[in-house]
Protein backbone atom coordinates (compact mmCIF):
# COMPACT_ATOMS: atom_id res chain seq x y z
CA UNK A 1 -19.27 -58.56 -37.83
CA UNK A 2 -18.54 -62.20 -37.03
CA UNK A 3 -18.50 -63.38 -40.64
CA UNK A 4 -22.26 -63.89 -40.81
CA UNK A 5 -24.10 -61.18 -38.89
CA UNK A 6 -23.44 -57.75 -37.38
CA UNK A 7 -23.44 -57.73 -33.59
CA UNK A 8 -24.08 -54.42 -31.76
CA UNK A 9 -21.06 -53.04 -29.93
CA UNK A 10 -22.36 -52.00 -26.52
CA UNK A 11 -20.02 -49.24 -25.33
CA UNK A 12 -20.02 -45.87 -23.61
CA UNK A 13 -19.90 -44.07 -26.98
CA UNK A 14 -22.97 -45.71 -28.52
CA UNK A 15 -24.99 -42.52 -27.96
CA UNK A 16 -22.37 -40.62 -29.98
CA UNK A 17 -22.28 -43.21 -32.74
CA UNK A 18 -26.07 -43.10 -33.08
CA UNK A 19 -26.41 -39.32 -32.74
CA UNK A 20 -23.97 -38.15 -35.44
CA UNK A 21 -23.37 -38.81 -39.11
CA UNK A 22 -19.98 -40.53 -39.22
CA UNK A 23 -17.87 -39.74 -42.26
CA UNK A 24 -14.58 -41.52 -41.54
CA UNK A 25 -12.73 -43.63 -38.97
CA UNK A 26 -9.04 -44.38 -38.45
CA UNK A 27 -6.97 -46.40 -36.00
CA UNK A 28 -4.45 -43.86 -34.64
CA UNK A 29 -2.36 -46.13 -32.44
CA UNK A 30 -2.65 -49.38 -30.50
CA UNK A 31 -5.38 -48.05 -28.24
CA UNK A 32 -6.94 -45.04 -29.96
CA UNK A 33 -9.59 -44.84 -32.66
CA UNK A 34 -10.56 -41.51 -34.20
CA UNK A 35 -13.78 -40.81 -36.07
CA UNK A 36 -14.87 -37.78 -38.04
CA UNK A 37 -18.45 -36.61 -38.24
CA UNK A 38 -20.40 -34.42 -40.61
CA UNK A 39 -21.83 -32.28 -37.83
CA UNK A 40 -19.83 -32.53 -34.62
CA UNK A 41 -16.10 -32.56 -35.37
CA UNK A 42 -13.69 -35.32 -34.33
CA UNK A 43 -14.00 -37.94 -31.57
CA UNK A 44 -11.32 -40.23 -30.16
CA UNK A 45 -12.08 -43.35 -28.17
CA UNK A 46 -10.20 -46.37 -26.87
CA UNK A 47 -10.54 -50.06 -27.75
CA UNK A 48 -13.25 -50.46 -25.10
CA UNK A 49 -15.40 -47.62 -26.46
CA UNK A 50 -14.52 -45.03 -23.80
CA UNK A 51 -14.50 -41.45 -25.06
CA UNK A 52 -11.00 -39.92 -24.78
CA UNK A 53 -11.61 -36.50 -26.38
CA UNK A 54 -13.77 -34.54 -28.81
CA UNK A 55 -12.61 -31.62 -30.97
CA UNK A 56 -15.21 -29.33 -32.50
CA UNK A 57 -15.75 -25.68 -33.33
CA UNK A 58 -16.15 -25.12 -29.57
CA UNK A 59 -12.42 -26.02 -29.36
CA UNK A 60 -11.46 -23.79 -32.32
CA UNK A 61 -11.72 -26.45 -35.03
CA UNK A 62 -12.49 -24.40 -38.15
CA UNK A 63 -15.74 -26.26 -38.78
CA UNK A 64 -17.47 -29.49 -37.76
CA UNK A 65 -17.66 -31.13 -41.19
CA UNK A 66 -14.92 -33.77 -41.35
CA UNK A 67 -14.37 -35.21 -44.81
CA UNK A 68 -11.34 -37.37 -44.10
CA UNK A 69 -8.77 -38.27 -41.43
CA UNK A 70 -5.16 -39.31 -41.85
CA UNK A 71 -2.30 -40.16 -39.51
CA UNK A 72 1.34 -39.21 -40.00
CA UNK A 73 4.54 -40.93 -38.82
CA UNK A 74 4.43 -38.99 -35.52
CA UNK A 75 0.87 -40.19 -34.82
CA UNK A 76 -0.57 -36.72 -35.46
CA UNK A 77 -4.06 -36.65 -36.86
CA UNK A 78 -4.69 -34.62 -40.02
CA UNK A 79 -8.31 -33.55 -40.50
CA UNK A 80 -9.70 -32.60 -43.92
CA UNK A 81 -12.49 -30.05 -43.42
CA UNK A 82 -14.37 -27.70 -45.73
CA UNK A 83 -11.68 -25.55 -47.41
CA UNK A 84 -9.01 -26.23 -44.74
CA UNK A 85 -6.82 -28.93 -43.20
CA UNK A 86 -6.19 -29.08 -39.45
CA UNK A 87 -3.61 -31.03 -37.47
CA UNK A 88 -4.28 -32.50 -34.04
CA UNK A 89 -1.03 -33.28 -32.21
CA UNK A 90 -1.96 -36.64 -30.81
CA UNK A 91 1.32 -37.25 -28.92
CA UNK A 92 1.28 -33.96 -27.04
CA UNK A 93 0.77 -33.98 -23.28
CA UNK A 94 -1.61 -31.06 -23.77
CA UNK A 95 -4.60 -31.35 -26.04
CA UNK A 96 -6.60 -28.27 -25.13
CA UNK A 97 -5.98 -25.28 -22.96
CA UNK A 98 -9.06 -23.35 -22.10
CA UNK A 99 -8.30 -20.09 -20.32
CA UNK A 100 -10.06 -19.37 -17.06
CA UNK A 101 -11.69 -16.39 -18.78
CA UNK A 102 -11.58 -14.52 -22.05
CA UNK A 103 -9.14 -11.90 -20.71
CA UNK A 104 -6.11 -14.07 -21.50
CA UNK A 105 -5.88 -12.56 -25.01
CA UNK A 106 -3.87 -13.75 -28.01
CA UNK A 107 -1.09 -16.18 -27.14
CA UNK A 108 2.35 -15.32 -28.59
CA UNK A 109 4.47 -17.92 -26.76
CA UNK A 110 4.16 -20.83 -24.35
CA UNK A 111 6.84 -22.35 -22.15
CA UNK A 112 7.00 -25.24 -19.70
CA UNK A 113 9.51 -24.80 -16.88
CA UNK A 114 9.68 -26.95 -13.76
CA UNK A 115 6.09 -27.15 -12.42
CA UNK A 116 4.69 -24.27 -14.48
CA UNK A 117 3.25 -23.50 -17.87
CA UNK A 118 3.71 -19.84 -18.89
CA UNK A 119 1.78 -18.04 -21.63
CA UNK A 120 2.98 -14.75 -23.12
CA UNK A 121 -0.06 -12.94 -24.49
CA UNK A 122 -1.14 -9.51 -25.65
CA UNK A 123 -2.76 -9.10 -22.23
CA UNK A 124 0.28 -10.07 -20.14
CA UNK A 125 2.22 -13.04 -18.81
CA UNK A 126 0.08 -15.81 -17.36
CA UNK A 127 1.10 -18.91 -15.42
CA UNK A 128 -0.49 -22.16 -14.33
CA UNK A 129 0.86 -24.87 -12.09
CA UNK A 130 1.08 -28.10 -14.08
CA UNK A 131 0.40 -30.46 -11.18
CA UNK A 132 -3.36 -29.90 -11.41
CA UNK A 133 -5.84 -31.82 -13.51
CA UNK A 134 -6.95 -28.61 -15.27
CA UNK A 135 -4.92 -25.54 -16.11
CA UNK A 136 -5.87 -22.45 -14.08
CA UNK A 137 -4.10 -19.41 -15.49
CA UNK A 138 -3.25 -16.36 -13.41
CA UNK A 139 -1.73 -13.07 -14.48
CA UNK A 140 1.63 -12.08 -13.06
CA UNK A 141 0.51 -8.58 -11.93
CA UNK A 142 3.72 -6.76 -12.88
CA UNK A 143 3.38 -8.06 -16.43
CA UNK A 144 -0.05 -6.91 -17.55
CA UNK A 145 0.16 -5.54 -21.07
CA UNK A 146 1.90 -7.16 -24.02
CA UNK A 147 4.30 -10.03 -23.29
CA UNK A 148 6.02 -10.89 -26.58
CA UNK A 149 8.22 -13.92 -25.98
CA UNK A 150 9.58 -16.41 -23.46
CA UNK A 151 13.00 -18.06 -23.55
CA UNK A 152 15.17 -20.06 -21.18
CA UNK A 153 18.70 -18.72 -20.83
CA UNK A 154 21.13 -20.26 -18.34
CA UNK A 155 18.17 -22.06 -16.69
CA UNK A 156 16.36 -18.73 -16.18
CA UNK A 157 13.09 -17.73 -17.82
CA UNK A 158 13.41 -14.48 -19.73
CA UNK A 159 10.26 -12.62 -20.80
CA UNK A 160 10.33 -9.83 -23.37
CA UNK A 161 7.58 -7.42 -22.39
CA UNK A 162 6.48 -4.05 -23.80
CA UNK A 163 7.86 -2.42 -20.61
CA UNK A 164 11.23 -4.21 -20.63
CA UNK A 165 12.97 -7.54 -20.19
CA UNK A 166 12.08 -9.57 -17.11
CA UNK A 167 13.43 -12.65 -15.36
CA UNK A 168 10.63 -14.89 -14.15
CA UNK A 169 10.97 -16.72 -10.85
CA UNK A 170 7.97 -18.97 -10.46
CA UNK A 171 5.10 -16.46 -10.02
CA UNK A 172 7.16 -13.25 -9.84
CA UNK A 173 8.73 -10.95 -12.41
CA UNK A 174 12.04 -9.17 -11.83
CA UNK A 175 13.02 -6.29 -14.15
């Protein structure tokens, strides 16, 4: 709006803006705008209208009906949905981790160490190199079964597993 008339904003997200019922919009930081929809979750875009991310039920948002958005002092986005409130950690280096398949199980712990991200799950200990654009998780074969926790002790990764305590060296487990 230039004070007299509304001028269309020709951006890459116009198809999103036209397609969904928008319920709320906030300015999250100097370069990020976040909008909530009534049917497709939450979208974030930059000042130039480039889509940064979308969170919906496909990404485990409880539902796609966003009633309100708020931002806290840490720049996290709080989403008011039907009967629940969700928090999107906006300052995290990781927004979504999608496992390479459904066999990864329930995640009990996550740990970054050097060039790796480790996930302790009820299906075993998984790792992914962090130097890739997308996470590709692989099972450490010796640690199939329930991996309960991950801790760093004396610069060593220690994994508590249902079969014992293991030291993790990159992609190998040592009892």
